[in-house]
Amino acid sequence: MIRHLLPLWLAAASAAACAAAPPLNILTEDDPPLSFVRDGRPAGLVVEVVREIQRRVGNHDPILVVPWARAYRQAQQEPNTALFNTNRIAERERLFKWVGPVTVTQGSFFVRRDSKLTLDSLDGAKRLGQVLVVRDWYLQLALTAHGFANLKPIATPSQMVSMLMRGRADVIASENTTLPTQLRQLGYRPTDVRPAYTFIHTYGYIAFSPQTSDEVVRAWQRALDGMKRDGGFAAIYRRWLPGEPVPELRAAPPKSG
């Protein structure tokens, strides 16, 4: 009997912890299909996951879609702030408290389908004239840590993809989960580009500012774990990204170097 009551007790404890906590600033960016605005409201895969976590822990704070660079700074500096989808890499490990994983991604250099460019290593990419990357994305941080001096930061993913397709750039750094949708939104097909070289595999998380209460972070993680055990998480993930691997219950923290 006690064993059956334990999940109910944990859910009640999580809700109580969140109810007693200060309001959260819950931030995301325009990065479809993970997060975007539809009919004036936030939508997307990770938005749905976060809303279900909120329901389970009893949190009712709004989700705001804002520019990534601004949200990224705010999540590091202001207490009680959550930011998603934030890819967890070694260079970010100490900047946030983490709940996840909520996505699994591959970061690659992409070129137009008709490009003659071939790459077989990071060193080859370092010798290119420039590589476009979204400002303050994990891909910029990871490539900078690998010694890239030819990165050109761009404000938004859609602007970066548009520059590639209009011939204003030859190479971009992007990821498999979001690039196909971004291409469709701009009137292109996912097959209009191809990956030239895949250089990183990583997981996306909900990142909480360091000043956020550990109790709140633990409550959100318990709720997410519960979604994965009961199938709710997989149902959301497969609806938005059919055919892509669903993140497992937990992932090991990234290692530097």
C-alpha atoms as a PDB file:
ATOM      1  CA  MET A   1       0.000   0.000   0.000  1.00  0.00           C
ATOM      2  CA  ILE A   2       2.805   2.423   0.911  1.00  0.00           C
ATOM      3  CA  ARG A   3       4.530   1.660  -2.400  1.00  0.00           C
ATOM      4  CA  HIS A   4       1.404   2.641  -4.348  1.00  0.00           C
ATOM      5  CA  LEU A   5       0.993   5.878  -2.384  1.00  0.00           C
ATOM      6  CA  LEU A   6       4.572   7.007  -2.943  1.00  0.00           C
ATOM      7  CA  PRO A   7       4.029   8.527  -6.449  1.00  0.00           C
ATOM      8  CA  LEU A   8       1.040  10.478  -5.117  1.00  0.00           C
ATOM      9  CA  TRP A   9       3.093  11.763  -2.193  1.00  0.00           C
ATOM     10  CA  LEU A  10       5.920  12.839  -4.493  1.00  0.00           C
ATOM     11  CA  ALA A  11       3.483  14.655  -6.786  1.00  0.00           C
ATOM     12  CA  ALA A  12       1.923  16.461  -3.832  1.00  0.00           C
ATOM     13  CA  ALA A  13       5.345  17.412  -2.488  1.00  0.00           C
ATOM     14  CA  SER A  14       6.389  18.768  -5.900  1.00  0.00           C
ATOM     15  CA  ALA A  15       3.247  20.851  -6.203  1.00  0.00           C
ATOM     16  CA  ALA A  16       3.701  22.211  -2.686  1.00  0.00           C
ATOM     17  CA  ALA A  17       7.317  23.154  -3.367  1.00  0.00           C
ATOM     18  CA  CYS A  18       6.389  25.030  -6.552  1.00  0.00           C
ATOM     19  CA  ALA A  19       3.383  26.722  -4.976  1.00  0.00           C
ATOM     20  CA  ALA A  20       5.586  28.122  -2.208  1.00  0.00           C
ATOM     21  CA  ALA A  21       8.272  29.330  -4.634  1.00  0.00           C
ATOM     22  CA  PRO A  22       8.459  32.790  -6.232  1.00  0.00           C
ATOM     23  CA  PRO A  23       7.059  33.159  -9.772  1.00  0.00           C
ATOM     24  CA  LEU A  24       9.259  31.874 -12.568  1.00  0.00           C
ATOM     25  CA  ASN A  25      10.319  33.727 -15.702  1.00  0.00           C
ATOM     26  CA  ILE A  26       9.934  30.956 -18.292  1.00  0.00           C
ATOM     27  CA  LEU A  27      11.669  31.894 -21.520  1.00  0.00           C
ATOM     28  CA  THR A  28      12.126  30.306 -24.930  1.00  0.00           C
ATOM     29  CA  GLU A  29      13.017  31.401 -28.460  1.00  0.00           C
ATOM     30  CA  ASP A  30      11.555  31.174 -31.946  1.00  0.00           C
ATOM     31  CA  ASP A  31      13.103  27.831 -32.931  1.00  0.00           C
ATOM     32  CA  PRO A  32      10.481  25.626 -34.602  1.00  0.00           C
ATOM     33  CA  PRO A  33       9.423  22.914 -34.165  1.00  0.00           C
ATOM     34  CA  LEU A  34      10.754  23.012 -30.583  1.00  0.00           C
ATOM     35  CA  SER A  35       9.329  26.436 -29.728  1.00  0.00           C
ATOM     36  CA  PHE A  36       7.613  29.205 -31.702  1.00  0.00           C
ATOM     37  CA  VAL A  37       4.510  31.404 -31.741  1.00  0.00           C
ATOM     38  CA  ARG A  38       1.274  30.120 -33.277  1.00  0.00           C
ATOM     39  CA  ASP A  39      -1.846  32.300 -33.271  1.00  0.00           C
ATOM     40  CA  GLY A  40      -0.229  34.580 -30.707  1.00  0.00           C
ATOM     41  CA  ARG A  41       0.643  31.793 -28.257  1.00  0.00           C
ATOM     42  CA  PRO A  42       3.805  29.743 -27.636  1.00  0.00           C
ATOM     43  CA  ALA A  43       3.717  26.325 -29.301  1.00  0.00           C
ATOM     44  CA  GLY A  44       6.077  23.501 -30.160  1.00  0.00           C
ATOM     45  CA  LEU A  45       7.501  20.241 -28.861  1.00  0.00           C
ATOM     46  CA  VAL A  46       9.345  21.542 -25.820  1.00  0.00           C
ATOM     47  CA  VAL A  47       6.603  24.093 -25.096  1.00  0.00           C
ATOM     48  CA  GLU A  48       4.165  21.186 -24.752  1.00  0.00           C
ATOM     49  CA  VAL A  49       6.592  19.316 -22.512  1.00  0.00           C
ATOM     50  CA  VAL A  50       7.071  22.360 -20.280  1.00  0.00           C
ATOM     51  CA  ARG A  51       3.324  22.971 -20.054  1.00  0.00           C
ATOM     52  CA  GLU A  52       2.762  19.373 -18.950  1.00  0.00           C
ATOM     53  CA  ILE A  53       5.510  19.716 -16.331  1.00  0.00           C
ATOM     54  CA  GLN A  54       3.825  22.909 -15.123  1.00  0.00           C
ATOM     55  CA  ARG A  55       0.500  21.090 -14.846  1.00  0.00           C
ATOM     56  CA  ARG A  56       2.045  18.310 -12.800  1.00  0.00           C
ATOM     57  CA  VAL A  57       3.872  20.608 -10.385  1.00  0.00           C
ATOM     58  CA  GLY A  58       1.089  23.198 -10.112  1.00  0.00           C
ATOM     59  CA  ASN A  59       2.899  26.086 -11.803  1.00  0.00           C
ATOM     60  CA  HIS A  60       0.910  28.595 -13.876  1.00  0.00           C
ATOM     61  CA  ASP A  61       3.541  31.134 -14.930  1.00  0.00           C
ATOM     62  CA  PRO A  62       3.422  32.196 -18.607  1.00  0.00           C
ATOM     63  CA  ILE A  63       5.932  31.104 -21.241  1.00  0.00           C
ATOM     64  CA  LEU A  64       7.485  34.003 -23.149  1.00  0.00           C
ATOM     65  CA  VAL A  65       9.057  33.759 -26.625  1.00  0.00           C
ATOM     66  CA  VAL A  66      11.932  36.252 -26.806  1.00  0.00           C
ATOM     67  CA  PRO A  67      15.224  36.653 -28.724  1.00  0.00           C
ATOM     68  CA  TRP A  68      17.696  33.946 -27.703  1.00  0.00           C
ATOM     69  CA  ALA A  69      20.658  36.190 -26.865  1.00  0.00           C
ATOM     70  CA  ARG A  70      18.568  38.256 -24.451  1.00  0.00           C
ATOM     71  CA  ALA A  71      16.980  35.208 -22.826  1.00  0.00           C
ATOM     72  CA  TYR A  72      20.366  33.510 -22.498  1.00  0.00           C
ATOM     73  CA  ARG A  73      21.803  36.473 -20.586  1.00  0.00           C
ATOM     74  CA  GLN A  74      18.714  36.777 -18.410  1.00  0.00           C
ATOM     75  CA  ALA A  75      18.805  33.087 -17.464  1.00  0.00           C
ATOM     76  CA  GLN A  76      22.358  33.473 -16.215  1.00  0.00           C
ATOM     77  CA  GLN A  77      21.831  36.694 -14.290  1.00  0.00           C
ATOM     78  CA  GLU A  78      18.282  36.773 -12.909  1.00  0.00           C
ATOM     79  CA  PRO A  79      16.909  34.456 -10.211  1.00  0.00           C
ATOM     80  CA  ASN A  80      13.911  32.191 -10.824  1.00  0.00           C
ATOM     81  CA  THR A  81      14.396  32.051 -14.583  1.00  0.00           C
ATOM     82  CA  ALA A  82      14.006  28.996 -16.824  1.00  0.00           C
ATOM     83  CA  LEU A  83      15.220  28.841 -20.436  1.00  0.00           C
ATOM     84  CA  PHE A  84      14.533  26.161 -23.038  1.00  0.00           C
ATOM     85  CA  ASN A  85      15.574  24.435 -25.230  1.00  0.00           C
ATOM     86  CA  THR A  86      19.151  24.855 -23.890  1.00  0.00           C
ATOM     87  CA  ASN A  87      21.715  22.358 -25.127  1.00  0.00           C
ATOM     88  CA  ARG A  88      23.882  21.072 -22.303  1.00  0.00           C
ATOM     89  CA  ILE A  89      27.547  21.206 -23.245  1.00  0.00           C
ATOM     90  CA  ALA A  90      30.664  21.338 -21.065  1.00  0.00           C
ATOM     91  CA  GLU A  91      31.113  25.072 -21.663  1.00  0.00           C
ATOM     92  CA  ARG A  92      27.683  25.736 -20.104  1.00  0.00           C
ATOM     93  CA  GLU A  93      27.692  23.136 -17.337  1.00  0.00           C
ATOM     94  CA  ARG A  94      28.360  25.529 -14.434  1.00  0.00           C
ATOM     95  CA  LEU A  95      26.132  28.321 -15.767  1.00  0.00           C
ATOM     96  CA  PHE A  96      22.772  26.710 -14.977  1.00  0.00           C
ATOM     97  CA  LYS A  97      20.828  24.116 -13.045  1.00  0.00           C
ATOM     98  CA  TRP A  98      19.491  21.479 -15.428  1.00  0.00           C
ATOM     99  CA  VAL A  99      16.200  19.622 -15.962  1.00  0.00           C
ATOM    100  CA  GLY A 100      16.066  17.095 -18.771  1.00  0.00           C
ATOM    101  CA  PRO A 101      16.924  15.895 -21.236  1.00  0.00           C
ATOM    102  CA  VAL A 102      14.033  17.066 -23.422  1.00  0.00           C
ATOM    103  CA  THR A 103      15.683  16.768 -26.863  1.00  0.00           C
ATOM    104  CA  VAL A 104      18.550  14.932 -28.526  1.00  0.00           C
ATOM    105  CA  THR A 105      20.302  16.619 -31.441  1.00  0.00           C
ATOM    106  CA  GLN A 106      23.144  16.390 -33.937  1.00  0.00           C
ATOM    107  CA  GLY A 107      25.040  19.561 -34.814  1.00  0.00           C
ATOM    108  CA  SER A 108      26.433  19.701 -38.351  1.00  0.00           C
ATOM    109  CA  PHE A 109      27.841  21.993 -40.994  1.00  0.00           C
ATOM    110  CA  PHE A 110      25.189  22.323 -43.710  1.00  0.00           C
ATOM    111  CA  VAL A 111      25.572  23.445 -47.308  1.00  0.00           C
ATOM    112  CA  ARG A 112      23.163  23.847 -50.227  1.00  0.00           C
ATOM    113  CA  ARG A 113      22.389  20.611 -52.046  1.00  0.00           C
ATOM    114  CA  ASP A 114      24.253  21.732 -55.186  1.00  0.00           C
ATOM    115  CA  SER A 115      27.388  22.803 -53.283  1.00  0.00           C
ATOM    116  CA  LYS A 116      30.646  21.128 -54.288  1.00  0.00           C
ATOM    117  CA  LEU A 117      32.093  21.636 -50.809  1.00  0.00           C
ATOM    118  CA  THR A 118      33.136  18.534 -48.869  1.00  0.00           C
ATOM    119  CA  LEU A 119      34.344  18.354 -45.278  1.00  0.00           C
ATOM    120  CA  ASP A 120      35.852  15.439 -43.379  1.00  0.00           C
ATOM    121  CA  SER A 121      37.055  17.139 -40.185  1.00  0.00           C
ATOM    122  CA  LEU A 122      36.777  20.167 -37.935  1.00  0.00           C
ATOM    123  CA  ASP A 123      40.176  21.306 -39.180  1.00  0.00           C
ATOM    124  CA  GLY A 124      38.808  21.509 -42.703  1.00  0.00           C
ATOM    125  CA  ALA A 125      35.940  23.694 -41.511  1.00  0.00           C
ATOM    126  CA  LYS A 126      38.371  25.986 -39.716  1.00  0.00           C
ATOM    127  CA  ARG A 127      39.981  26.816 -43.054  1.00  0.00           C
ATOM    128  CA  LEU A 128      36.736  28.051 -44.624  1.00  0.00           C
ATOM    129  CA  GLY A 129      36.234  31.756 -45.207  1.00  0.00           C
ATOM    130  CA  GLN A 130      33.343  31.878 -42.729  1.00  0.00           C
ATOM    131  CA  VAL A 131      30.744  29.712 -41.048  1.00  0.00           C
ATOM    132  CA  LEU A 132      27.402  31.224 -40.041  1.00  0.00           C
ATOM    133  CA  VAL A 133      26.083  30.315 -36.587  1.00  0.00           C
ATOM    134  CA  VAL A 134      23.313  31.670 -34.381  1.00  0.00           C
ATOM    135  CA  ARG A 135      24.677  34.041 -31.754  1.00  0.00           C
ATOM    136  CA  ASP A 136      25.076  32.431 -28.296  1.00  0.00           C
ATOM    137  CA  TRP A 137      23.805  29.058 -29.480  1.00  0.00           C
ATOM    138  CA  TYR A 138      25.614  26.037 -28.096  1.00  0.00           C
ATOM    139  CA  LEU A 139      27.099  25.444 -31.541  1.00  0.00           C
ATOM    140  CA  GLN A 140      28.919  28.784 -31.400  1.00  0.00           C
ATOM    141  CA  LEU A 141      30.261  27.992 -27.934  1.00  0.00           C
ATOM    142  CA  ALA A 142      31.359  24.482 -28.904  1.00  0.00           C
ATOM    143  CA  LEU A 143      33.094  25.583 -32.104  1.00  0.00           C
ATOM    144  CA  THR A 144      34.792  28.509 -30.367  1.00  0.00           C
ATOM    145  CA  ALA A 145      36.107  26.071 -27.749  1.00  0.00           C
ATOM    146  CA  HIS A 146      37.579  24.031 -30.615  1.00  0.00           C
ATOM    147  CA  GLY A 147      39.530  27.047 -31.860  1.00  0.00           C
ATOM    148  CA  PHE A 148      37.275  28.365 -34.646  1.00  0.00           C
ATOM    149  CA  ALA A 149      38.116  31.948 -35.605  1.00  0.00           C
ATOM    150  CA  ASN A 150      35.937  32.104 -38.735  1.00  0.00           C
ATOM    151  CA  LEU A 151      32.470  32.113 -37.137  1.00  0.00           C
ATOM    152  CA  LYS A 152      29.978  34.804 -38.152  1.00  0.00           C
ATOM    153  CA  PRO A 153      27.241  35.099 -35.484  1.00  0.00           C
ATOM    154  CA  ILE A 154      23.717  35.716 -36.812  1.00  0.00           C
ATOM    155  CA  ALA A 155      20.781  36.978 -34.735  1.00  0.00           C
ATOM    156  CA  THR A 156      18.154  34.330 -35.573  1.00  0.00           C
ATOM    157  CA  PRO A 157      17.985  30.848 -37.133  1.00  0.00           C
ATOM    158  CA  SER A 158      15.651  32.003 -39.922  1.00  0.00           C
ATOM    159  CA  GLN A 159      18.008  34.822 -40.889  1.00  0.00           C
ATOM    160  CA  MET A 160      20.930  32.398 -40.990  1.00  0.00           C
ATOM    161  CA  VAL A 161      19.071  29.854 -43.141  1.00  0.00           C
ATOM    162  CA  SER A 162      17.848  32.588 -45.490  1.00  0.00           C
ATOM    163  CA  MET A 163      21.412  33.804 -46.025  1.00  0.00           C
ATOM    164  CA  LEU A 164      22.524  30.282 -46.929  1.00  0.00           C
ATOM    165  CA  MET A 165      19.713  29.679 -49.398  1.00  0.00           C
ATOM    166  CA  ARG A 166      20.071  33.080 -51.082  1.00  0.00           C
ATOM    167  CA  GLY A 167      23.762  32.471 -51.683  1.00  0.00           C
ATOM    168  CA  ARG A 168      25.015  35.024 -49.172  1.00  0.00           C
ATOM    169  CA  ALA A 169      26.839  32.253 -47.298  1.00  0.00           C
ATOM    170  CA  ASP A 170      28.185  28.830 -48.215  1.00  0.00           C
ATOM    171  CA  VAL A 171      28.140  27.042 -44.840  1.00  0.00           C
ATOM    172  CA  ILE A 172      26.045  27.229 -41.684  1.00  0.00           C
ATOM    173  CA  ALA A 173      26.221  25.381 -38.370  1.00  0.00           C
ATOM    174  CA  SER A 174      22.778  24.041 -37.479  1.00  0.00           C
ATOM    175  CA  GLU A 175      21.025  20.927 -36.182  1.00  0.00           C
ATOM    176  CA  ASN A 176      18.879  18.081 -37.424  1.00  0.00           C
ATOM    177  CA  THR A 177      15.860  18.762 -35.193  1.00  0.00           C
ATOM    178  CA  THR A 178      15.106  22.328 -36.296  1.00  0.00           C
ATOM    179  CA  LEU A 179      16.616  22.985 -39.725  1.00  0.00           C
ATOM    180  CA  PRO A 180      13.974  21.081 -41.765  1.00  0.00           C
ATOM    181  CA  THR A 181      11.141  23.145 -40.270  1.00  0.00           C
ATOM    182  CA  GLN A 182      13.043  26.396 -40.733  1.00  0.00           C
ATOM    183  CA  LEU A 183      13.578  25.562 -44.404  1.00  0.00           C
ATOM    184  CA  ARG A 184       9.888  24.804 -44.939  1.00  0.00           C
ATOM    185  CA  GLN A 185       8.869  28.074 -43.309  1.00  0.00           C
ATOM    186  CA  LEU A 186      11.067  29.941 -45.779  1.00  0.00           C
ATOM    187  CA  GLY A 187       9.587  28.094 -48.761  1.00  0.00           C
ATOM    188  CA  TYR A 188      12.366  25.535 -49.255  1.00  0.00           C
ATOM    189  CA  ARG A 189      12.503  21.759 -48.930  1.00  0.00           C
ATOM    190  CA  PRO A 190      14.652  19.978 -46.328  1.00  0.00           C
ATOM    191  CA  THR A 191      16.370  18.209 -49.235  1.00  0.00           C
ATOM    192  CA  ASP A 192      17.585  21.574 -50.564  1.00  0.00           C
ATOM    193  CA  VAL A 193      20.490  21.327 -48.091  1.00  0.00           C
ATOM    194  CA  ARG A 194      22.784  18.530 -47.008  1.00  0.00           C
ATOM    195  CA  PRO A 195      25.012  17.944 -43.971  1.00  0.00           C
ATOM    196  CA  ALA A 196      28.672  18.318 -44.925  1.00  0.00           C
ATOM    197  CA  TYR A 197      30.057  17.128 -41.589  1.00  0.00           C
ATOM    198  CA  THR A 198      28.457  16.248 -38.233  1.00  0.00           C
ATOM    199  CA  PHE A 199      30.602  17.385 -35.322  1.00  0.00           C
ATOM    200  CA  ILE A 200      28.550  17.142 -32.114  1.00  0.00           C
ATOM    201  CA  HIS A 201      25.812  15.037 -30.504  1.00  0.00           C
ATOM    202  CA  THR A 202      24.125  16.593 -27.511  1.00  0.00           C
ATOM    203  CA  TYR A 203      20.987  16.830 -25.383  1.00  0.00           C
ATOM    204  CA  GLY A 204      18.662  19.777 -24.856  1.00  0.00           C
ATOM    205  CA  TYR A 205      17.465  20.719 -21.373  1.00  0.00           C
ATOM    206  CA  ILE A 206      15.412  23.250 -19.454  1.00  0.00           C
ATOM    207  CA  ALA A 207      18.092  25.468 -17.915  1.00  0.00           C
ATOM    208  CA  PHE A 208      17.349  27.241 -14.633  1.00  0.00           C
ATOM    209  CA  SER A 209      19.286  30.242 -13.381  1.00  0.00           C
ATOM    210  CA  PRO A 210      21.794  29.331 -10.649  1.00  0.00           C
ATOM    211  CA  GLN A 211      19.831  31.297  -8.047  1.00  0.00           C
ATOM    212  CA  THR A 212      16.685  29.193  -8.557  1.00  0.00           C
ATOM    213  CA  SER A 213      15.702  27.007  -5.605  1.00  0.00           C
ATOM    214  CA  ASP A 214      16.972  23.426  -5.729  1.00  0.00           C
ATOM    215  CA  GLU A 215      13.518  22.308  -4.604  1.00  0.00           C
ATOM    216  CA  VAL A 216      11.905  23.813  -7.691  1.00  0.00           C
ATOM    217  CA  VAL A 217      14.499  22.230  -9.974  1.00  0.00           C
ATOM    218  CA  ARG A 218      14.046  18.824  -8.332  1.00  0.00           C
ATOM    219  CA  ALA A 219      10.248  19.104  -8.618  1.00  0.00           C
ATOM    220  CA  TRP A 220      10.461  19.818 -12.344  1.00  0.00           C
ATOM    221  CA  GLN A 221      12.888  16.932 -12.871  1.00  0.00           C
ATOM    222  CA  ARG A 222      10.600  14.525 -10.989  1.00  0.00           C
ATOM    223  CA  ALA A 223       7.660  15.632 -13.125  1.00  0.00           C
ATOM    224  CA  LEU A 224       9.635  15.117 -16.338  1.00  0.00           C
ATOM    225  CA  ASP A 225      10.825  11.689 -15.161  1.00  0.00           C
ATOM    226  CA  GLY A 226       7.201  10.793 -14.461  1.00  0.00           C
ATOM    227  CA  MET A 227       6.205  11.836 -17.991  1.00  0.00           C
ATOM    228  CA  LYS A 228       8.877   9.552 -19.409  1.00  0.00           C
ATOM    229  CA  ARG A 229       7.779   6.613 -17.282  1.00  0.00           C
ATOM    230  CA  ASP A 230       4.084   6.912 -18.137  1.00  0.00           C
ATOM    231  CA  GLY A 231       4.586   7.544 -21.865  1.00  0.00           C
ATOM    232  CA  GLY A 232       3.362  11.126 -21.939  1.00  0.00           C
ATOM    233  CA  PHE A 233       6.736  12.498 -22.972  1.00  0.00           C
ATOM    234  CA  ALA A 234       7.255  10.018 -25.824  1.00  0.00           C
ATOM    235  CA  ALA A 235       3.774  10.780 -27.202  1.00  0.00           C
ATOM    236  CA  ILE A 236       4.586  14.507 -27.417  1.00  0.00           C
ATOM    237  CA  TYR A 237       8.039  13.907 -28.896  1.00  0.00           C
ATOM    238  CA  ARG A 238       6.868  11.533 -31.621  1.00  0.00           C
ATOM    239  CA  ARG A 239       4.023  13.851 -32.616  1.00  0.00           C
ATOM    240  CA  TRP A 240       6.480  16.658 -33.366  1.00  0.00           C
ATOM    241  CA  LEU A 241       9.565  14.696 -34.470  1.00  0.00           C
ATOM    242  CA  PRO A 242       8.400  11.362 -35.885  1.00  0.00           C
ATOM    243  CA  GLY A 243      11.290   9.067 -36.618  1.00  0.00           C
ATOM    244  CA  GLU A 244      13.761  10.882 -34.358  1.00  0.00           C
ATOM    245  CA  PRO A 245      15.145   9.092 -31.249  1.00  0.00           C
ATOM    246  CA  VAL A 246      13.362   9.941 -27.993  1.00  0.00           C
ATOM    247  CA  PRO A 247      15.703  11.053 -25.174  1.00  0.00           C
ATOM    248  CA  GLU A 248      16.104   8.472 -22.424  1.00  0.00           C
ATOM    249  CA  LEU A 249      15.154   9.039 -18.803  1.00  0.00           C
ATOM    250  CA  ARG A 250      18.456  10.670 -17.844  1.00  0.00           C
ATOM    251  CA  ALA A 251      21.679  11.586 -19.660  1.00  0.00           C
ATOM    252  CA  ALA A 252      25.180  11.803 -18.246  1.00  0.00           C
ATOM    253  CA  PRO A 253      26.554  15.357 -17.871  1.00  0.00           C
ATOM    254  CA  PRO A 254      28.841  16.393 -20.735  1.00  0.00           C
ATOM    255  CA  LYS A 255      32.602  16.055 -20.303  1.00  0.00           C
ATOM    256  CA  SER A 256      34.945  18.867 -21.180  1.00  0.00           C
ATOM    257  CA  GLY A 257      37.796  18.328 -23.617  1.00  0.00           C
END
